[in-house]
Amino acid sequence: MKLLIVFSLCTWMVCAADGQTKKDPAPEAAPTVSAPTAPNLGLPAGAVKAADGSYRYTDPQGKKWIFRKTPFGMARFEDKPADVSTRAAESAKRYEEVRATEDGDTIRFERPGPFGIYKWQRKKTELNEMEQTVWNREQARIAAK
């Protein structure tokens, strides 16, 4: 082990000394290559500050933009309206995957997830909107049988 440390230190010293002696007395002019720079995104004059700290702006072409300050400077995102039908379909799918079973005065819920099955339970009097919807669906399904 000591031998390994000694050789490592010797190698380190040789490398350090080698770096000091390689200085050129007259360095040649190296061609300068400028890296492409990102456009400087400043805040436009007509931007309006929103409640969440971002700024909203509509450009002359009619596009709506959202500007936010980040640790790396200003960021610009296009303001696209949310598709309501897509959200409704996603929430309906999420409700379909949840299963509910009655256990006395509590309801046990199970939902498949990416890392296995998520399980939770609630009292019948403390159900939220999604849980109440699932429980009503399960009761109707049981009554239909």
N, C-alpha and C. Protein backbone atom coordinates (compact mmCIF):
# COMPACT_ATOMS: atom_id res chain seq x y z
N MET A 1 0.83 -1.18 0.00
CA MET A 1 0.00 0.00 0.00
C MET A 1 0.88 1.25 0.00
N LYS A 2 1.94 1.21 0.81
CA LYS A 2 2.84 2.36 0.87
C LYS A 2 3.50 2.59 -0.48
N LEU A 3 3.83 1.51 -1.15
CA LEU A 3 4.47 1.60 -2.45
C LEU A 3 3.55 2.27 -3.48
N LEU A 4 2.28 1.95 -3.41
CA LEU A 4 1.30 2.57 -4.31
C LEU A 4 1.19 4.07 -4.05
N ILE A 5 1.21 4.47 -2.81
CA ILE A 5 1.13 5.90 -2.47
C ILE A 5 2.37 6.63 -2.96
N VAL A 6 3.55 6.02 -2.76
CA VAL A 6 4.80 6.66 -3.19
C VAL A 6 4.82 6.84 -4.71
N PHE A 7 4.42 5.82 -5.45
CA PHE A 7 4.40 5.94 -6.91
C PHE A 7 3.37 6.97 -7.38
N SER A 8 2.24 7.02 -6.70
CA SER A 8 1.23 8.01 -7.07
C SER A 8 1.73 9.43 -6.84
N LEU A 9 2.41 9.64 -5.71
CA LEU A 9 2.96 10.97 -5.44
C LEU A 9 4.04 11.35 -6.43
N CYS A 10 4.90 10.39 -6.78
CA CYS A 10 5.96 10.67 -7.76
C CYS A 10 5.37 11.02 -9.12
N THR A 11 4.37 10.28 -9.52
CA THR A 11 3.71 10.55 -10.80
C THR A 11 3.07 11.93 -10.79
N TRP A 12 2.44 12.29 -9.70
CA TRP A 12 1.80 13.59 -9.57
C TRP A 12 2.83 14.71 -9.65
N MET A 13 3.98 14.54 -8.99
CA MET A 13 5.03 15.57 -9.03
C MET A 13 5.62 15.73 -10.42
N VAL A 14 5.81 14.63 -11.13
CA VAL A 14 6.35 14.69 -12.48
C VAL A 14 5.37 15.42 -13.41
N CYS A 15 4.10 15.11 -13.27
CA CYS A 15 3.09 15.78 -14.09
C CYS A 15 3.02 17.26 -13.78
N ALA A 16 3.11 17.62 -12.52
CA ALA A 16 3.05 19.02 -12.13
C ALA A 16 4.27 19.78 -12.64
N ALA A 17 5.44 19.18 -12.53
CA ALA A 17 6.67 19.83 -13.00
C ALA A 17 6.67 19.93 -14.51
N ASP A 18 6.12 18.93 -15.18
CA ASP A 18 6.08 18.92 -16.64
C ASP A 18 5.19 20.05 -17.16
N GLY A 19 4.12 20.36 -16.46
CA GLY A 19 3.21 21.43 -16.87
C GLY A 19 3.85 22.80 -16.74
N GLN A 20 4.79 22.99 -15.81
CA GLN A 20 5.42 24.29 -15.62
C GLN A 20 6.47 24.57 -16.67
N THR A 21 7.13 23.56 -17.20
CA THR A 21 8.23 23.78 -18.15
C THR A 21 7.77 23.89 -19.59
N LYS A 22 6.51 23.68 -19.90
CA LYS A 22 6.05 23.67 -21.28
C LYS A 22 5.53 25.02 -21.74
N LYS A 23 5.91 26.12 -21.12
CA LYS A 23 5.43 27.42 -21.55
C LYS A 23 6.17 27.86 -22.80
N ASP A 24 5.41 28.33 -23.79
CA ASP A 24 5.99 28.86 -25.02
C ASP A 24 6.40 30.31 -24.79
N PRO A 25 7.61 30.69 -25.22
CA PRO A 25 8.01 32.08 -25.04
C PRO A 25 7.21 33.02 -25.96
N ALA A 26 6.86 32.58 -27.14
CA ALA A 26 6.11 33.42 -28.08
C ALA A 26 4.93 32.61 -28.60
N PRO A 27 3.80 32.68 -27.95
CA PRO A 27 2.66 31.90 -28.43
C PRO A 27 2.15 32.47 -29.75
N GLU A 28 1.78 31.56 -30.64
CA GLU A 28 1.25 31.98 -31.93
C GLU A 28 -0.19 32.44 -31.74
N ALA A 29 -0.62 33.30 -32.61
CA ALA A 29 -1.98 33.80 -32.54
C ALA A 29 -2.93 32.68 -32.94
N ALA A 30 -3.73 32.27 -32.00
CA ALA A 30 -4.69 31.21 -32.27
C ALA A 30 -5.93 31.82 -32.91
N PRO A 31 -6.50 31.11 -33.87
CA PRO A 31 -7.73 31.65 -34.48
C PRO A 31 -8.85 31.69 -33.44
N THR A 32 -9.56 32.77 -33.42
CA THR A 32 -10.65 32.90 -32.45
C THR A 32 -11.93 32.35 -33.06
N VAL A 33 -12.54 31.47 -32.32
CA VAL A 33 -13.80 30.87 -32.74
C VAL A 33 -14.84 31.30 -31.71
N SER A 34 -15.81 32.02 -32.16
CA SER A 34 -16.84 32.46 -31.23
C SER A 34 -17.95 31.42 -31.17
N ALA A 35 -18.34 31.11 -29.96
CA ALA A 35 -19.42 30.14 -29.78
C ALA A 35 -20.74 30.81 -30.12
N PRO A 36 -21.65 30.05 -30.69
CA PRO A 36 -22.96 30.66 -30.99
C PRO A 36 -23.64 31.05 -29.68
N THR A 37 -24.15 32.24 -29.65
CA THR A 37 -24.79 32.72 -28.43
C THR A 37 -26.30 32.67 -28.59
N ALA A 38 -26.96 32.45 -27.48
CA ALA A 38 -28.42 32.43 -27.48
C ALA A 38 -28.91 33.87 -27.61
N PRO A 39 -30.04 34.05 -28.23
CA PRO A 39 -30.55 35.40 -28.34
C PRO A 39 -30.85 35.96 -26.95
N ASN A 40 -30.53 37.23 -26.78
CA ASN A 40 -30.76 37.87 -25.50
C ASN A 40 -32.25 38.13 -25.34
N LEU A 41 -32.89 37.35 -24.49
CA LEU A 41 -34.32 37.49 -24.29
C LEU A 41 -34.54 38.52 -23.19
N GLY A 42 -34.84 39.71 -23.61
CA GLY A 42 -35.19 40.73 -22.65
C GLY A 42 -36.69 40.78 -22.52
N LEU A 43 -37.14 41.51 -21.55
CA LEU A 43 -38.56 41.66 -21.33
C LEU A 43 -39.09 42.71 -22.30
N PRO A 44 -40.08 42.37 -23.14
CA PRO A 44 -40.62 43.36 -24.08
C PRO A 44 -41.30 44.51 -23.34
N ALA A 45 -41.42 45.62 -24.02
CA ALA A 45 -41.97 46.82 -23.41
C ALA A 45 -43.44 46.66 -23.02
N GLY A 46 -44.21 45.91 -23.76
CA GLY A 46 -45.64 45.78 -23.48
C GLY A 46 -46.00 44.62 -22.58
N ALA A 47 -45.03 43.99 -21.92
CA ALA A 47 -45.31 42.82 -21.09
C ALA A 47 -46.03 43.24 -19.81
N VAL A 48 -47.00 42.42 -19.42
CA VAL A 48 -47.79 42.69 -18.23
C VAL A 48 -47.47 41.64 -17.18
N LYS A 49 -47.20 42.08 -15.95
CA LYS A 49 -46.85 41.14 -14.88
C LYS A 49 -48.10 40.42 -14.40
N ALA A 50 -47.99 39.10 -14.27
CA ALA A 50 -49.10 38.28 -13.78
C ALA A 50 -48.94 38.05 -12.28
N ALA A 51 -49.94 37.47 -11.67
CA ALA A 51 -49.94 37.24 -10.23
C ALA A 51 -48.87 36.23 -9.80
N ASP A 52 -48.53 35.30 -10.68
CA ASP A 52 -47.56 34.27 -10.31
C ASP A 52 -46.11 34.71 -10.52
N GLY A 53 -45.88 35.96 -10.89
CA GLY A 53 -44.52 36.47 -11.06
C GLY A 53 -44.02 36.39 -12.49
N SER A 54 -44.78 35.81 -13.38
CA SER A 54 -44.39 35.75 -14.78
C SER A 54 -44.95 36.96 -15.50
N TYR A 55 -44.53 37.15 -16.74
CA TYR A 55 -45.00 38.26 -17.55
C TYR A 55 -45.68 37.72 -18.80
N ARG A 56 -46.76 38.34 -19.21
CA ARG A 56 -47.49 37.92 -20.41
C ARG A 56 -47.37 39.01 -21.45
N TYR A 57 -47.20 38.57 -22.71
CA TYR A 57 -46.98 39.51 -23.81
C TYR A 57 -47.59 38.94 -25.08
N THR A 58 -48.21 39.79 -25.88
CA THR A 58 -48.72 39.41 -27.19
C THR A 58 -47.92 40.17 -28.23
N ASP A 59 -47.26 39.42 -29.12
CA ASP A 59 -46.41 40.07 -30.12
C ASP A 59 -47.25 40.61 -31.28
N PRO A 60 -46.65 41.39 -32.20
CA PRO A 60 -47.41 41.98 -33.31
C PRO A 60 -48.09 40.95 -34.22
N GLN A 61 -47.58 39.71 -34.27
CA GLN A 61 -48.21 38.68 -35.10
C GLN A 61 -49.41 38.05 -34.39
N GLY A 62 -49.65 38.39 -33.14
CA GLY A 62 -50.80 37.86 -32.42
C GLY A 62 -50.48 36.66 -31.54
N LYS A 63 -49.21 36.21 -31.50
CA LYS A 63 -48.84 35.09 -30.65
C LYS A 63 -48.73 35.56 -29.21
N LYS A 64 -49.19 34.72 -28.30
CA LYS A 64 -49.12 35.05 -26.88
C LYS A 64 -47.91 34.33 -26.28
N TRP A 65 -47.16 35.06 -25.44
CA TRP A 65 -45.94 34.53 -24.84
C TRP A 65 -45.99 34.73 -23.34
N ILE A 66 -45.31 33.83 -22.63
CA ILE A 66 -45.13 33.95 -21.19
C ILE A 66 -43.62 34.07 -20.95
N PHE A 67 -43.21 35.09 -20.22
CA PHE A 67 -41.81 35.28 -19.86
C PHE A 67 -41.66 35.02 -18.37
N ARG A 68 -40.61 34.25 -18.02
CA ARG A 68 -40.32 33.96 -16.61
C ARG A 68 -38.84 34.17 -16.36
N LYS A 69 -38.54 34.67 -15.18
CA LYS A 69 -37.14 34.81 -14.78
C LYS A 69 -36.68 33.48 -14.21
N THR A 70 -35.54 33.01 -14.71
CA THR A 70 -34.94 31.77 -14.21
C THR A 70 -33.54 32.10 -13.73
N PRO A 71 -32.87 31.19 -13.06
CA PRO A 71 -31.49 31.44 -12.64
C PRO A 71 -30.55 31.65 -13.83
N PHE A 72 -30.96 31.25 -15.01
CA PHE A 72 -30.11 31.36 -16.19
C PHE A 72 -30.51 32.52 -17.08
N GLY A 73 -31.44 33.34 -16.65
CA GLY A 73 -31.90 34.47 -17.45
C GLY A 73 -33.39 34.36 -17.71
N MET A 74 -33.85 35.14 -18.65
CA MET A 74 -35.27 35.12 -18.99
C MET A 74 -35.58 33.92 -19.88
N ALA A 75 -36.72 33.30 -19.64
CA ALA A 75 -37.18 32.19 -20.47
C ALA A 75 -38.51 32.58 -21.09
N ARG A 76 -38.71 32.19 -22.34
CA ARG A 76 -39.93 32.54 -23.06
C ARG A 76 -40.64 31.26 -23.47
N PHE A 77 -41.94 31.19 -23.17
CA PHE A 77 -42.77 30.05 -23.53
C PHE A 77 -43.99 30.54 -24.27
N GLU A 78 -44.42 29.76 -25.24
CA GLU A 78 -45.64 30.13 -25.95
C GLU A 78 -46.84 29.80 -25.07
N ASP A 79 -47.76 30.72 -24.98
CA ASP A 79 -48.96 30.55 -24.16
C ASP A 79 -50.02 29.84 -25.00
N LYS A 80 -50.18 28.53 -24.75
CA LYS A 80 -51.16 27.73 -25.49
C LYS A 80 -52.32 27.41 -24.57
N PRO A 81 -53.54 27.56 -25.04
CA PRO A 81 -54.68 27.22 -24.18
C PRO A 81 -54.74 25.71 -23.95
N ALA A 82 -55.15 25.34 -22.74
CA ALA A 82 -55.25 23.93 -22.41
C ALA A 82 -56.46 23.32 -23.11
N ASP A 83 -56.29 22.11 -23.58
CA ASP A 83 -57.38 21.40 -24.25
C ASP A 83 -58.25 20.75 -23.18
N VAL A 84 -59.46 21.26 -23.02
CA VAL A 84 -60.36 20.81 -21.97
C VAL A 84 -60.79 19.36 -22.18
N SER A 85 -61.01 18.96 -23.43
CA SER A 85 -61.47 17.59 -23.68
C SER A 85 -60.39 16.58 -23.33
N THR A 86 -59.12 16.93 -23.53
CA THR A 86 -58.03 16.03 -23.19
C THR A 86 -57.94 15.84 -21.68
N ARG A 87 -58.09 16.95 -20.94
CA ARG A 87 -58.05 16.84 -19.49
C ARG A 87 -59.21 16.00 -18.96
N ALA A 88 -60.38 16.17 -19.54
CA ALA A 88 -61.54 15.40 -19.09
C ALA A 88 -61.33 13.92 -19.36
N ALA A 89 -60.75 13.59 -20.50
CA ALA A 89 -60.50 12.18 -20.84
C ALA A 89 -59.47 11.58 -19.90
N GLU A 90 -58.44 12.36 -19.53
CA GLU A 90 -57.42 11.84 -18.62
C GLU A 90 -57.99 11.60 -17.23
N SER A 91 -58.81 12.52 -16.74
CA SER A 91 -59.39 12.33 -15.41
C SER A 91 -60.37 11.17 -15.41
N ALA A 92 -61.13 10.97 -16.49
CA ALA A 92 -62.06 9.85 -16.58
C ALA A 92 -61.30 8.53 -16.59
N LYS A 93 -60.17 8.49 -17.29
CA LYS A 93 -59.36 7.27 -17.32
C LYS A 93 -58.81 6.98 -15.93
N ARG A 94 -58.40 8.04 -15.22
CA ARG A 94 -57.86 7.87 -13.89
C ARG A 94 -58.92 7.32 -12.95
N TYR A 95 -60.17 7.76 -13.10
CA TYR A 95 -61.25 7.26 -12.26
C TYR A 95 -61.55 5.80 -12.57
N GLU A 96 -61.45 5.40 -13.84
CA GLU A 96 -61.77 4.03 -14.24
C GLU A 96 -60.80 3.02 -13.64
N GLU A 97 -59.55 3.42 -13.42
CA GLU A 97 -58.54 2.49 -12.94
C GLU A 97 -58.61 2.26 -11.44
N VAL A 98 -59.33 3.09 -10.71
CA VAL A 98 -59.41 2.98 -9.26
C VAL A 98 -60.49 1.97 -8.89
N ARG A 99 -60.16 1.09 -7.96
CA ARG A 99 -61.11 0.10 -7.45
C ARG A 99 -61.37 0.40 -5.99
N ALA A 100 -62.60 0.19 -5.55
CA ALA A 100 -62.97 0.46 -4.16
C ALA A 100 -63.68 -0.76 -3.58
N THR A 101 -63.36 -1.05 -2.32
CA THR A 101 -64.04 -2.13 -1.60
C THR A 101 -64.41 -1.62 -0.22
N GLU A 102 -65.56 -2.09 0.26
CA GLU A 102 -66.07 -1.65 1.56
C GLU A 102 -65.48 -2.52 2.65
N ASP A 103 -65.07 -1.87 3.73
CA ASP A 103 -64.53 -2.59 4.88
C ASP A 103 -65.08 -1.94 6.14
N GLY A 104 -66.34 -2.30 6.50
CA GLY A 104 -66.99 -1.68 7.66
C GLY A 104 -67.40 -0.25 7.33
N ASP A 105 -66.91 0.71 8.13
CA ASP A 105 -67.24 2.11 7.87
C ASP A 105 -66.16 2.81 7.06
N THR A 106 -65.21 2.05 6.54
CA THR A 106 -64.17 2.63 5.69
C THR A 106 -64.23 2.00 4.30
N ILE A 107 -63.66 2.72 3.36
CA ILE A 107 -63.57 2.24 1.97
C ILE A 107 -62.09 2.11 1.64
N ARG A 108 -61.69 0.96 1.11
CA ARG A 108 -60.31 0.74 0.67
C ARG A 108 -60.23 0.98 -0.83
N PHE A 109 -59.27 1.79 -1.24
CA PHE A 109 -59.08 2.12 -2.65
C PHE A 109 -57.76 1.54 -3.13
N GLU A 110 -57.75 1.11 -4.40
CA GLU A 110 -56.55 0.60 -5.05
C GLU A 110 -56.47 1.18 -6.45
N ARG A 111 -55.26 1.64 -6.81
CA ARG A 111 -55.06 2.21 -8.14
C ARG A 111 -53.70 1.74 -8.66
N PRO A 112 -53.65 1.21 -9.90
CA PRO A 112 -52.35 0.80 -10.44
C PRO A 112 -51.49 2.02 -10.74
N GLY A 113 -50.21 1.90 -10.47
CA GLY A 113 -49.26 2.97 -10.74
C GLY A 113 -48.01 2.42 -11.38
N PRO A 114 -47.06 3.26 -11.72
CA PRO A 114 -45.85 2.80 -12.40
C PRO A 114 -44.96 1.93 -11.51
N PHE A 115 -45.10 2.05 -10.18
CA PHE A 115 -44.25 1.28 -9.28
C PHE A 115 -45.03 0.27 -8.45
N GLY A 116 -46.20 -0.10 -8.93
CA GLY A 116 -47.01 -1.06 -8.22
C GLY A 116 -48.39 -0.49 -7.95
N ILE A 117 -49.11 -1.13 -7.05
CA ILE A 117 -50.47 -0.72 -6.75
C ILE A 117 -50.45 0.22 -5.55
N TYR A 118 -51.08 1.39 -5.72
CA TYR A 118 -51.23 2.34 -4.63
C TYR A 118 -52.50 1.99 -3.87
N LYS A 119 -52.40 1.93 -2.54
CA LYS A 119 -53.53 1.57 -1.71
C LYS A 119 -53.71 2.64 -0.65
N TRP A 120 -54.97 3.00 -0.40
CA TRP A 120 -55.30 3.90 0.69
C TRP A 120 -56.71 3.62 1.13
N GLN A 121 -57.07 4.15 2.28
CA GLN A 121 -58.43 3.95 2.79
C GLN A 121 -58.92 5.24 3.42
N ARG A 122 -60.24 5.42 3.37
CA ARG A 122 -60.89 6.60 3.93
C ARG A 122 -62.18 6.18 4.59
N LYS A 123 -62.60 6.97 5.58
CA LYS A 123 -63.91 6.76 6.17
C LYS A 123 -64.96 7.22 5.18
N LYS A 124 -66.13 6.64 5.26
CA LYS A 124 -67.21 6.98 4.31
C LYS A 124 -67.60 8.45 4.41
N THR A 125 -67.44 9.04 5.57
CA THR A 125 -67.83 10.44 5.75
C THR A 125 -66.76 11.42 5.28
N GLU A 126 -65.55 10.95 4.98
CA GLU A 126 -64.43 11.83 4.62
C GLU A 126 -64.00 11.67 3.16
N LEU A 127 -64.83 11.12 2.30
CA LEU A 127 -64.45 10.90 0.91
C LEU A 127 -64.39 12.22 0.15
N ASN A 128 -63.36 12.37 -0.71
CA ASN A 128 -63.30 13.55 -1.57
C ASN A 128 -64.11 13.27 -2.84
N GLU A 129 -64.10 14.19 -3.78
CA GLU A 129 -64.95 14.08 -4.98
C GLU A 129 -64.61 12.84 -5.82
N MET A 130 -63.32 12.62 -6.05
CA MET A 130 -62.91 11.48 -6.87
C MET A 130 -63.27 10.17 -6.19
N GLU A 131 -63.00 10.08 -4.89
CA GLU A 131 -63.30 8.85 -4.16
C GLU A 131 -64.80 8.59 -4.10
N GLN A 132 -65.58 9.65 -3.94
CA GLN A 132 -67.04 9.49 -3.91
C GLN A 132 -67.55 9.00 -5.26
N THR A 133 -66.98 9.53 -6.36
CA THR A 133 -67.37 9.09 -7.69
C THR A 133 -67.06 7.62 -7.90
N VAL A 134 -65.87 7.21 -7.48
CA VAL A 134 -65.46 5.80 -7.63
C VAL A 134 -66.35 4.91 -6.77
N TRP A 135 -66.64 5.34 -5.54
CA TRP A 135 -67.46 4.52 -4.66
C TRP A 135 -68.88 4.38 -5.20
N ASN A 136 -69.45 5.46 -5.73
CA ASN A 136 -70.79 5.39 -6.33
C ASN A 136 -70.80 4.45 -7.54
N ARG A 137 -69.75 4.49 -8.35
CA ARG A 137 -69.65 3.60 -9.50
C ARG A 137 -69.56 2.14 -9.06
N GLU A 138 -68.77 1.87 -8.02
CA GLU A 138 -68.63 0.50 -7.52
C GLU A 138 -69.95 -0.01 -6.94
N GLN A 139 -70.68 0.85 -6.22
CA GLN A 139 -71.98 0.43 -5.69
C GLN A 139 -72.95 0.11 -6.80
N ALA A 140 -72.95 0.93 -7.88
CA ALA A 140 -73.85 0.67 -9.00
C ALA A 140 -73.47 -0.63 -9.72
N ARG A 141 -72.19 -0.88 -9.80
CA ARG A 141 -71.72 -2.12 -10.45
C ARG A 141 -72.12 -3.34 -9.63
N ILE A 142 -72.02 -3.24 -8.30
CA ILE A 142 -72.41 -4.35 -7.44
C ILE A 142 -73.91 -4.57 -7.50
N ALA A 143 -74.69 -3.48 -7.54
CA ALA A 143 -76.15 -3.60 -7.61
C ALA A 143 -76.61 -4.19 -8.92
N ALA A 144 -75.85 -3.97 -9.99
CA ALA A 144 -76.22 -4.49 -11.31
C ALA A 144 -76.04 -6.00 -11.39
N LYS A 145 -75.20 -6.56 -10.57
CA LYS A 145 -74.93 -8.01 -10.62
C LYS A 145 -76.02 -8.78 -10.05
